[in-house]
Amino acid sequence: MVNKLNLRELSIAGLIAAVYAVISLVFLPVSFGIYQVRIAEALTVLPFITVAAVPGLFIGCLIANIFGGMGWPDIVFGSLVTLVAALATRYIFHFNKKKNSRWWSVLPLVLIWFGAIYLMGSSGINLIVVVISIFSVLLLWYAVKLDVVDKKSVMLVTFLKILSLALIIVAIYMGYYRSDEIIFFLGALSVACAWVITLVVVIYWLKGHNPSILLAPLPPVIFNAFGVSAYLAPIAGFDYWFSVQMIGIGQMIACYLLGLPLLLFFEKRKNLFLR
């Protein structure tokens, strides 16, 4: 791949590598370990814009992991996970051009909802929040299937979101009286993230665009959650599935709450990159 890059793309790759490594090391306390939100992972959406980001992210991650202090498994396997995720995101760029690809944009929503259900539990007001939120996604899916995403359906979904938001505020307040309030709060944060992504889907469909761009941040979330946990959980002495949850949530924050707005920003300024 590197042999096919021209001088400008090599420069972009070097810049991405440098920025990734610097951000990772500047925010060193939160960039490594089980409880991590590696802010530099917001850059993992860039392969959707330019192929130069693939080697750039790999080299940047390799440099960051060398100085991260987690040992050779993180240097070798962590960097390879980033490379595979970057290649998958690049594939989504080509997949995005297909007409039937827009249906896959619902996949991140489904994964987030399931994660939120697991973290928030299934009792009382928590169940009500989840049911209303999932219903809003199903309503959107049905409206798009019939090609009737109009102002009425958007208003109804928005109303359900506002109702869910009110319920989640009450649920968070009640969470302070639980022994697992931190995990419960992360579940609430997952629901809030799903609302944001659902709203973007509505806007994209309403404007006639392909919302499968929402799939771009998904590979680094999945590959890091399951791949990094495979070697990091034994090193840190944590249960594998607990590690998957924690790293997955951190990746969701970095790749969606930070990375997705970054991707949408650069998507409107395509002349800055070479496809």
Protein backbone atom coordinates (compact mmCIF):
# COMPACT_ATOMS: atom_id res chain seq x y z
CA MET A 1 0.00 0.00 0.00
CA VAL A 2 2.82 2.40 0.91
CA ASN A 3 4.40 1.90 -2.54
CA LYS A 4 1.21 3.20 -4.15
CA LEU A 5 1.15 6.43 -2.13
CA ASN A 6 2.37 9.61 -3.77
CA LEU A 7 4.42 12.28 -2.03
CA ARG A 8 1.41 14.21 -0.75
CA GLU A 9 -0.23 11.11 0.65
CA LEU A 10 3.01 10.07 2.34
CA SER A 11 3.14 13.51 3.94
CA ILE A 12 -0.43 13.09 5.16
CA ALA A 13 0.41 9.64 6.53
CA GLY A 14 3.38 11.07 8.42
CA LEU A 15 1.30 13.90 9.82
CA ILE A 16 -1.44 11.53 11.01
CA ALA A 17 1.18 9.26 12.62
CA ALA A 18 2.76 12.18 14.44
CA VAL A 19 -0.55 13.62 15.65
CA TYR A 20 -1.77 10.20 16.83
CA ALA A 21 1.43 9.51 18.77
CA VAL A 22 1.59 12.98 20.32
CA ILE A 23 -2.07 12.99 21.44
CA SER A 24 -1.71 9.50 22.91
CA LEU A 25 1.33 10.50 24.94
CA VAL A 26 -0.02 13.89 25.99
CA PHE A 27 -3.08 12.14 27.41
CA LEU A 28 -0.98 9.22 28.67
CA PRO A 29 -3.01 8.54 31.88
CA VAL A 30 -6.20 7.81 29.89
CA SER A 31 -4.62 6.32 26.76
CA PHE A 32 -3.57 2.95 28.15
CA GLY A 33 -4.95 0.24 30.40
CA ILE A 34 -8.42 -1.24 30.90
CA TYR A 35 -10.04 2.06 31.81
CA GLN A 36 -8.99 4.01 28.77
CA VAL A 37 -10.40 6.66 26.47
CA ARG A 38 -7.60 7.06 23.95
CA ILE A 39 -8.50 10.43 22.45
CA ALA A 40 -6.15 9.80 19.53
CA GLU A 41 -8.53 7.03 18.42
CA ALA A 42 -10.78 9.78 17.07
CA LEU A 43 -8.36 9.82 14.13
CA THR A 44 -9.21 6.21 13.24
CA VAL A 45 -12.14 7.48 11.13
CA LEU A 46 -9.73 9.10 8.66
CA PRO A 47 -9.24 6.00 6.44
CA PHE A 48 -12.78 6.75 5.28
CA ILE A 49 -11.37 9.96 3.79
CA THR A 50 -7.90 8.97 2.62
CA VAL A 51 -5.94 5.74 2.18
CA ALA A 52 -2.89 7.53 3.60
CA ALA A 53 -4.47 7.28 7.06
CA VAL A 54 -4.03 3.48 7.08
CA PRO A 55 -0.21 3.42 7.38
CA GLY A 56 -0.34 6.69 9.31
CA LEU A 57 -2.49 5.23 12.08
CA PHE A 58 -0.45 2.03 12.23
CA ILE A 59 2.86 3.86 12.64
CA GLY A 60 1.37 6.38 15.06
CA CYS A 61 -0.07 3.62 17.23
CA LEU A 62 3.21 1.70 17.11
CA ILE A 63 5.15 4.73 18.34
CA ALA A 64 2.60 5.51 21.05
CA ASN A 65 2.57 1.92 22.30
CA ILE A 66 6.37 1.80 22.48
CA PHE A 67 6.30 4.60 25.03
CA GLY A 68 3.00 3.55 26.62
CA GLY A 69 4.55 1.16 29.10
CA MET A 70 2.22 -1.81 28.50
CA GLY A 71 4.97 -4.00 27.11
CA TRP A 72 5.62 -5.84 23.84
CA PRO A 73 2.09 -7.35 23.51
CA ASP A 74 0.65 -3.85 23.20
CA ILE A 75 3.40 -2.79 20.81
CA VAL A 76 2.88 -5.77 18.51
CA PHE A 77 -0.75 -6.80 18.82
CA GLY A 78 -2.16 -3.38 19.68
CA SER A 79 -0.59 -1.85 16.57
CA LEU A 80 -1.80 -4.75 14.40
CA VAL A 81 -5.34 -4.31 15.72
CA THR A 82 -5.19 -0.66 14.72
CA LEU A 83 -3.96 -1.64 11.24
CA VAL A 84 -6.75 -4.18 10.70
CA ALA A 85 -9.38 -1.71 11.96
CA ALA A 86 -8.01 0.99 9.62
CA LEU A 87 -8.22 -1.39 6.64
CA ALA A 88 -11.81 -2.26 7.59
CA THR A 89 -12.73 1.43 7.79
CA ARG A 90 -11.16 1.96 4.39
CA TYR A 91 -13.26 -0.87 3.01
CA ILE A 92 -16.36 0.89 4.35
CA PHE A 93 -15.44 3.89 2.18
CA HIS A 94 -15.91 1.71 -0.91
CA PHE A 95 -18.91 -0.06 0.61
CA ASN A 96 -20.52 3.34 1.22
CA LYS A 97 -20.98 3.80 -2.52
CA LYS A 98 -23.38 0.88 -2.80
CA LYS A 99 -27.08 1.68 -2.74
CA ASN A 100 -28.04 -1.06 -0.30
CA SER A 101 -25.30 -0.07 2.16
CA ARG A 102 -27.50 2.43 4.01
CA TRP A 103 -29.32 -0.34 5.86
CA TRP A 104 -26.10 -1.33 7.59
CA SER A 105 -25.96 2.08 9.25
CA VAL A 106 -28.47 0.75 11.77
CA LEU A 107 -25.86 -1.75 13.03
CA PRO A 108 -24.05 0.70 15.35
CA LEU A 109 -27.40 1.64 16.88
CA VAL A 110 -28.33 -1.96 17.59
CA LEU A 111 -24.94 -2.67 19.21
CA ILE A 112 -25.15 0.43 21.39
CA TRP A 113 -28.69 -0.35 22.50
CA PHE A 114 -27.72 -3.87 23.53
CA GLY A 115 -24.73 -2.50 25.40
CA ALA A 116 -26.91 0.05 27.17
CA ILE A 117 -29.45 -2.59 28.14
CA TYR A 118 -26.72 -4.74 29.64
CA LEU A 119 -25.14 -1.90 31.60
CA MET A 120 -28.33 -0.27 32.83
CA GLY A 121 -30.06 -3.46 33.93
CA SER A 122 -33.71 -4.34 33.35
CA SER A 123 -35.65 -3.14 36.35
CA GLY A 124 -38.17 -0.36 36.75
CA ILE A 125 -37.52 2.90 35.00
CA ASN A 126 -34.39 1.54 33.30
CA LEU A 127 -36.50 -0.88 31.27
CA ILE A 128 -38.90 1.92 30.30
CA VAL A 129 -36.02 4.04 29.02
CA VAL A 130 -34.63 1.20 26.93
CA VAL A 131 -38.03 0.20 25.49
CA ILE A 132 -38.87 3.76 24.42
CA SER A 133 -35.41 4.27 22.94
CA ILE A 134 -35.50 1.02 20.96
CA PHE A 135 -39.01 1.84 19.75
CA SER A 136 -37.70 5.13 18.34
CA VAL A 137 -35.05 3.23 16.35
CA LEU A 138 -37.59 0.70 15.06
CA LEU A 139 -39.88 3.55 14.06
CA LEU A 140 -37.06 5.14 12.10
CA TRP A 141 -36.22 1.82 10.43
CA TYR A 142 -39.88 1.30 9.43
CA ALA A 143 -40.20 4.84 8.08
CA VAL A 144 -37.08 4.48 5.95
CA LYS A 145 -38.20 1.09 4.64
CA LEU A 146 -41.38 2.71 3.35
CA ASP A 147 -39.44 5.79 2.15
CA VAL A 148 -41.65 8.00 4.28
CA VAL A 149 -39.06 9.79 6.39
CA ASP A 150 -40.96 13.06 6.60
CA LYS A 151 -41.34 15.79 9.20
CA LYS A 152 -44.04 13.86 11.06
CA SER A 153 -41.90 10.76 11.58
CA VAL A 154 -38.91 12.89 12.55
CA MET A 155 -41.03 14.84 15.03
CA LEU A 156 -42.34 11.61 16.56
CA VAL A 157 -38.82 10.18 16.92
CA THR A 158 -37.69 13.49 18.43
CA PHE A 159 -40.57 13.41 20.92
CA LEU A 160 -39.61 9.89 21.97
CA LYS A 161 -36.02 11.01 22.42
CA ILE A 162 -37.04 13.93 24.61
CA LEU A 163 -39.20 11.61 26.70
CA SER A 164 -36.35 9.14 26.98
CA LEU A 165 -33.98 11.94 27.96
CA ALA A 166 -36.30 12.98 30.78
CA LEU A 167 -36.51 9.39 31.98
CA ILE A 168 -32.76 8.87 31.79
CA ILE A 169 -32.15 11.95 33.94
CA VAL A 170 -34.40 10.43 36.59
CA ALA A 171 -32.68 7.07 36.13
CA ILE A 172 -29.23 8.62 36.61
CA TYR A 173 -30.45 10.34 39.76
CA MET A 174 -31.72 7.02 41.05
CA GLY A 175 -28.40 5.46 40.10
CA TYR A 176 -26.62 7.39 42.83
CA TYR A 177 -28.35 5.12 45.31
CA ARG A 178 -26.99 1.98 43.62
CA SER A 179 -23.73 0.27 44.48
CA ASP A 180 -22.86 0.10 40.78
CA GLU A 181 -23.68 3.71 39.91
CA ILE A 182 -20.55 4.09 37.74
CA ILE A 183 -21.48 1.18 35.48
CA PHE A 184 -25.07 2.42 35.45
CA PHE A 185 -23.90 5.88 34.39
CA LEU A 186 -21.86 4.37 31.56
CA GLY A 187 -25.03 2.65 30.40
CA ALA A 188 -26.82 5.98 30.39
CA LEU A 189 -23.92 7.45 28.41
CA SER A 190 -24.30 4.62 25.88
CA VAL A 191 -27.98 5.48 25.45
CA ALA A 192 -27.13 9.16 24.96
CA CYS A 193 -24.56 8.19 22.32
CA ALA A 194 -27.21 6.11 20.53
CA TRP A 195 -29.53 9.11 20.48
CA VAL A 196 -26.89 11.23 18.78
CA ILE A 197 -26.21 8.58 16.14
CA THR A 198 -29.93 8.01 15.55
CA LEU A 199 -30.43 11.73 15.01
CA VAL A 200 -27.60 11.78 12.45
CA VAL A 201 -29.25 8.85 10.64
CA VAL A 202 -32.55 10.73 10.51
CA ILE A 203 -30.89 13.86 9.16
CA TYR A 204 -28.93 11.95 6.50
CA TRP A 205 -31.96 10.04 5.28
CA LEU A 206 -34.08 13.18 5.32
CA LYS A 207 -31.54 14.92 3.08
CA GLY A 208 -31.29 11.91 0.76
CA HIS A 209 -27.71 11.05 1.73
CA ASN A 210 -26.26 7.62 2.46
CA PRO A 211 -25.91 7.34 6.26
CA SER A 212 -23.57 4.35 6.10
CA ILE A 213 -20.79 6.82 6.92
CA LEU A 214 -21.81 5.97 10.49
CA LEU A 215 -20.11 2.61 10.01
CA ALA A 216 -16.68 4.24 9.64
CA PRO A 217 -15.95 4.48 13.41
CA LEU A 218 -17.30 0.98 14.09
CA PRO A 219 -14.24 -1.20 13.17
CA PRO A 220 -11.87 0.44 15.71
CA VAL A 221 -14.55 0.07 18.38
CA ILE A 222 -15.11 -3.65 17.74
CA PHE A 223 -11.52 -4.69 16.97
CA ASN A 224 -10.08 -2.86 19.96
CA ALA A 225 -12.78 -4.01 22.37
CA PHE A 226 -12.35 -7.69 21.51
CA GLY A 227 -8.77 -7.74 20.20
CA VAL A 228 -6.96 -5.54 22.71
CA SER A 229 -8.84 -7.18 25.60
CA ALA A 230 -7.49 -10.57 24.51
CA TYR A 231 -3.96 -9.70 25.63
CA LEU A 232 -4.58 -6.75 27.97
CA ALA A 233 -7.05 -8.46 30.33
CA PRO A 234 -4.54 -11.18 31.42
CA ILE A 235 -1.78 -8.58 31.84
CA ALA A 236 -3.95 -6.27 33.96
CA GLY A 237 -5.61 -9.15 35.83
CA PHE A 238 -9.18 -8.41 34.72
CA ASP A 239 -11.95 -10.62 33.40
CA TYR A 240 -11.97 -10.70 29.59
CA TRP A 241 -15.61 -9.67 29.14
CA PHE A 242 -15.29 -6.87 31.66
CA SER A 243 -12.30 -5.62 29.69
CA VAL A 244 -14.31 -5.81 26.47
CA GLN A 245 -16.98 -3.60 28.03
CA MET A 246 -14.59 -0.99 29.41
CA ILE A 247 -12.39 -0.72 26.31
CA GLY A 248 -15.49 -0.81 24.09
CA ILE A 249 -17.07 2.11 25.96
CA GLY A 250 -13.82 4.07 25.80
CA GLN A 251 -13.58 3.43 22.07
CA MET A 252 -17.20 4.43 21.58
CA ILE A 253 -16.51 7.77 23.23
CA ALA A 254 -13.32 8.36 21.23
CA CYS A 255 -14.52 7.09 17.84
CA TYR A 256 -18.14 8.25 17.84
CA LEU A 257 -18.48 11.19 20.20
CA LEU A 258 -15.13 12.64 19.03
CA GLY A 259 -14.29 10.84 15.79
CA LEU A 260 -17.65 11.05 14.03
CA PRO A 261 -17.89 14.88 14.22
CA LEU A 262 -14.29 14.99 12.99
CA LEU A 263 -15.21 12.75 10.06
CA LEU A 264 -18.26 14.85 9.17
CA PHE A 265 -16.08 17.97 9.30
CA PHE A 266 -13.49 16.60 6.88
CA GLU A 267 -16.10 14.94 4.67
CA LYS A 268 -17.24 18.45 3.69
CA ARG A 269 -13.66 19.43 2.93
CA LYS A 270 -12.58 16.56 0.69
CA ASN A 271 -10.11 18.74 -1.19
CA LEU A 272 -7.81 18.51 1.84
CA PHE A 273 -7.21 14.83 1.13
CA LEU A 274 -6.64 12.56 -1.81
CA ARG A 275 -8.99 9.56 -2.03
